[in-house]
Amino acid sequence: MERTLWVIGCILLWALFVYLMYRGWRNRAARQADRIGDLPPVPEETGAQVLDPTTGLYLGSTIAPSWQDRIAVGDLGFRATAELTRFEHGILLERQGASAIWIPEESISVIRTERGHAGKVMSEGGVLVIRWTLPSGTEIDTGFRGDDKTVYPAWARATTGDDEK
């Protein structure tokens, strides 16, 4: 009987911790909602494709410059397998099981490589990070871990080349 009470107590404690984590995530989303606002919709005309699509893992988006301040609004905070494509007018991030993210060209500040993003730590230069500004004016970092990291320099050059025009 005593063992049964211990098991029930542990299960109840575990359930309490899960509930508190869920509540904390919801509270974070409520605090961030005004800063994030609505994401730009994917336009009908994206322009010519500039870089070939690359597959990998969407790591989440964080409020810049903190690489650990994960955004909890909508589905921006959830990891998902994704495909990243660079177009003339912006970047399209198509995620499995989540909505697509359109990053307009004029919103992009810089594309760089980092060691970590949104709590995920990799080897040096293992994460491609896109810093961009939302329509609400908030600057965020979107992290992507590509399956083929040899394409990262082309992504960084694409932004540098646009700045030199």
Protein backbone atom coordinates (compact mmCIF):
# COMPACT_ATOMS: atom_id res chain seq x y z
CA MET A 1 0.00 0.00 0.00
CA GLU A 2 2.81 2.39 0.87
CA ARG A 3 4.49 1.82 -2.49
CA THR A 4 1.22 2.58 -4.30
CA LEU A 5 0.89 5.90 -2.46
CA TRP A 6 4.48 6.81 -3.44
CA VAL A 7 3.77 6.02 -7.11
CA ILE A 8 0.53 8.04 -7.07
CA GLY A 9 2.32 10.93 -5.35
CA CYS A 10 5.12 10.91 -7.95
CA ILE A 11 2.61 10.85 -10.82
CA LEU A 12 0.68 13.77 -9.30
CA LEU A 13 3.92 15.72 -8.80
CA TRP A 14 4.95 15.04 -12.42
CA ALA A 15 1.50 16.17 -13.66
CA LEU A 16 1.81 19.37 -11.61
CA PHE A 17 5.20 20.15 -13.17
CA VAL A 18 3.87 19.56 -16.69
CA TYR A 19 0.91 21.85 -15.97
CA LEU A 20 3.19 24.57 -14.60
CA MET A 21 5.44 24.37 -17.69
CA TYR A 22 2.40 24.62 -19.97
CA ARG A 23 1.07 27.60 -18.02
CA GLY A 24 4.47 29.31 -18.15
CA TRP A 25 4.61 28.86 -21.95
CA ARG A 26 1.12 30.37 -22.31
CA ASN A 27 2.05 33.32 -20.07
CA ARG A 28 5.20 33.94 -22.12
CA ALA A 29 3.11 33.96 -25.31
CA ALA A 30 0.68 36.47 -23.77
CA ARG A 31 3.56 38.77 -22.75
CA GLN A 32 5.12 38.60 -26.24
CA ALA A 33 1.92 38.93 -28.29
CA ASP A 34 2.06 42.74 -28.68
CA ARG A 35 5.76 42.75 -29.56
CA ILE A 36 5.38 40.05 -32.21
CA GLY A 37 2.07 40.95 -33.85
CA ASP A 38 1.15 39.40 -37.20
CA LEU A 39 3.75 37.82 -39.47
CA PRO A 40 4.00 38.96 -43.10
CA PRO A 41 1.89 36.78 -45.40
CA VAL A 42 3.51 34.79 -48.19
CA PRO A 43 3.05 36.96 -51.31
CA GLU A 44 1.61 35.76 -54.60
CA GLU A 45 4.77 36.89 -56.40
CA THR A 46 8.00 35.89 -54.65
CA GLY A 47 10.28 36.82 -57.54
CA ALA A 48 12.91 34.64 -59.14
CA GLN A 49 14.56 31.94 -57.07
CA VAL A 50 18.04 33.12 -56.05
CA LEU A 51 19.31 30.07 -54.13
CA ASP A 52 18.34 26.41 -54.36
CA PRO A 53 16.14 25.13 -51.53
CA THR A 54 17.96 23.61 -48.59
CA THR A 55 16.41 21.18 -46.14
CA GLY A 56 16.99 20.97 -42.42
CA LEU A 57 15.51 21.76 -39.04
CA TYR A 58 13.79 25.02 -38.07
CA LEU A 59 15.08 25.66 -34.55
CA GLY A 60 12.66 28.43 -33.61
CA SER A 61 12.75 32.19 -33.48
CA THR A 62 14.09 34.34 -30.67
CA ILE A 63 13.86 38.02 -29.81
CA ALA A 64 17.15 39.59 -30.90
CA PRO A 65 19.84 39.78 -29.68
CA SER A 66 19.22 36.97 -27.13
CA TRP A 67 19.79 33.54 -28.67
CA GLN A 68 17.78 31.90 -25.86
CA ASP A 69 14.70 34.17 -25.56
CA ARG A 70 12.45 31.86 -27.59
CA ILE A 71 9.26 33.31 -29.05
CA ALA A 72 6.18 31.47 -27.79
CA VAL A 73 3.57 33.26 -29.92
CA GLY A 74 1.75 31.01 -32.38
CA ASP A 75 3.93 28.20 -33.69
CA LEU A 76 7.16 30.24 -33.94
CA GLY A 77 8.69 28.51 -30.92
CA PHE A 78 8.27 24.93 -32.09
CA ARG A 79 10.98 23.02 -33.91
CA ALA A 80 10.06 21.44 -37.23
CA THR A 81 11.69 19.94 -40.29
CA ALA A 82 11.76 22.62 -42.93
CA GLU A 83 12.87 23.78 -46.36
CA LEU A 84 14.51 27.19 -46.76
CA THR A 85 14.38 28.90 -50.17
CA ARG A 86 15.81 32.29 -51.14
CA PHE A 87 13.80 34.35 -53.63
CA GLU A 88 14.34 37.76 -55.15
CA HIS A 89 11.82 39.36 -52.79
CA GLY A 90 12.59 37.40 -49.62
CA ILE A 91 13.06 34.05 -47.93
CA LEU A 92 10.41 31.34 -47.65
CA LEU A 93 10.67 28.90 -44.76
CA GLU A 94 8.22 26.05 -45.28
CA ARG A 95 7.82 23.96 -42.13
CA GLN A 96 6.24 20.53 -41.80
CA GLY A 97 3.23 20.61 -39.49
CA ALA A 98 3.40 24.38 -39.05
CA SER A 99 2.66 27.53 -41.03
CA ALA A 100 5.12 28.87 -43.59
CA ILE A 101 7.21 31.90 -42.64
CA TRP A 102 7.84 34.64 -45.22
CA ILE A 103 10.78 36.94 -44.51
CA PRO A 104 10.59 39.97 -46.84
CA GLU A 105 13.90 41.09 -48.37
CA GLU A 106 13.62 44.62 -46.95
CA SER A 107 13.20 43.20 -43.42
CA ILE A 108 16.45 41.18 -43.42
CA SER A 109 19.30 42.75 -41.45
CA VAL A 110 21.90 40.00 -41.71
CA ILE A 111 22.30 36.28 -42.33
CA ARG A 112 25.10 34.69 -40.33
CA THR A 113 26.24 31.43 -38.81
CA GLU A 114 26.25 30.85 -35.07
CA ARG A 115 27.18 28.11 -32.66
CA GLY A 116 23.76 27.98 -31.00
CA HIS A 117 20.19 29.21 -31.22
CA ALA A 118 16.99 28.83 -29.15
CA GLY A 119 18.64 26.53 -26.64
CA LYS A 120 20.22 24.31 -29.32
CA VAL A 121 24.03 24.28 -29.25
CA MET A 122 25.99 22.94 -32.21
CA SER A 123 29.55 23.01 -33.46
CA GLU A 124 31.00 26.36 -34.56
CA GLY A 125 28.97 27.73 -37.48
CA GLY A 126 26.40 24.91 -37.23
CA VAL A 127 23.31 27.14 -37.27
CA LEU A 128 22.21 29.59 -39.96
CA VAL A 129 20.59 32.60 -38.27
CA ILE A 130 18.49 35.18 -40.12
CA ARG A 131 18.01 38.47 -38.28
CA TRP A 132 14.98 40.38 -39.53
CA THR A 133 12.42 42.93 -38.42
CA LEU A 134 8.74 42.08 -37.99
CA PRO A 135 6.01 44.49 -39.17
CA SER A 136 5.55 45.37 -35.47
CA GLY A 137 9.13 46.72 -35.41
CA THR A 138 10.55 43.93 -33.23
CA GLU A 139 13.83 42.46 -34.41
CA ILE A 140 14.02 38.67 -34.23
CA ASP A 141 16.47 35.89 -35.10
CA THR A 142 15.22 32.83 -36.94
CA GLY A 143 17.41 29.74 -36.61
CA PHE A 144 17.85 26.96 -39.17
CA ARG A 145 20.15 23.92 -38.97
CA GLY A 146 20.68 22.77 -42.54
CA ASP A 147 21.29 19.18 -43.55
CA ASP A 148 24.10 20.49 -45.81
CA LYS A 149 26.12 23.15 -44.03
CA THR A 150 28.28 23.82 -47.10
CA VAL A 151 25.49 26.08 -48.44
CA TYR A 152 25.78 28.52 -45.51
CA PRO A 153 28.41 30.78 -47.16
CA ALA A 154 26.15 31.25 -50.21
CA TRP A 155 23.30 32.33 -47.93
CA ALA A 156 25.52 34.84 -46.10
CA ARG A 157 26.93 36.18 -49.41
CA ALA A 158 23.42 36.65 -50.84
CA THR A 159 22.70 39.21 -48.11
CA THR A 160 26.12 40.86 -48.35
CA GLY A 161 25.73 41.19 -52.11
CA ASP A 162 22.36 42.91 -51.71
CA ASP A 163 23.86 45.46 -49.29
CA GLU A 164 26.58 46.42 -51.78
CA LYS A 165 24.13 47.39 -54.55
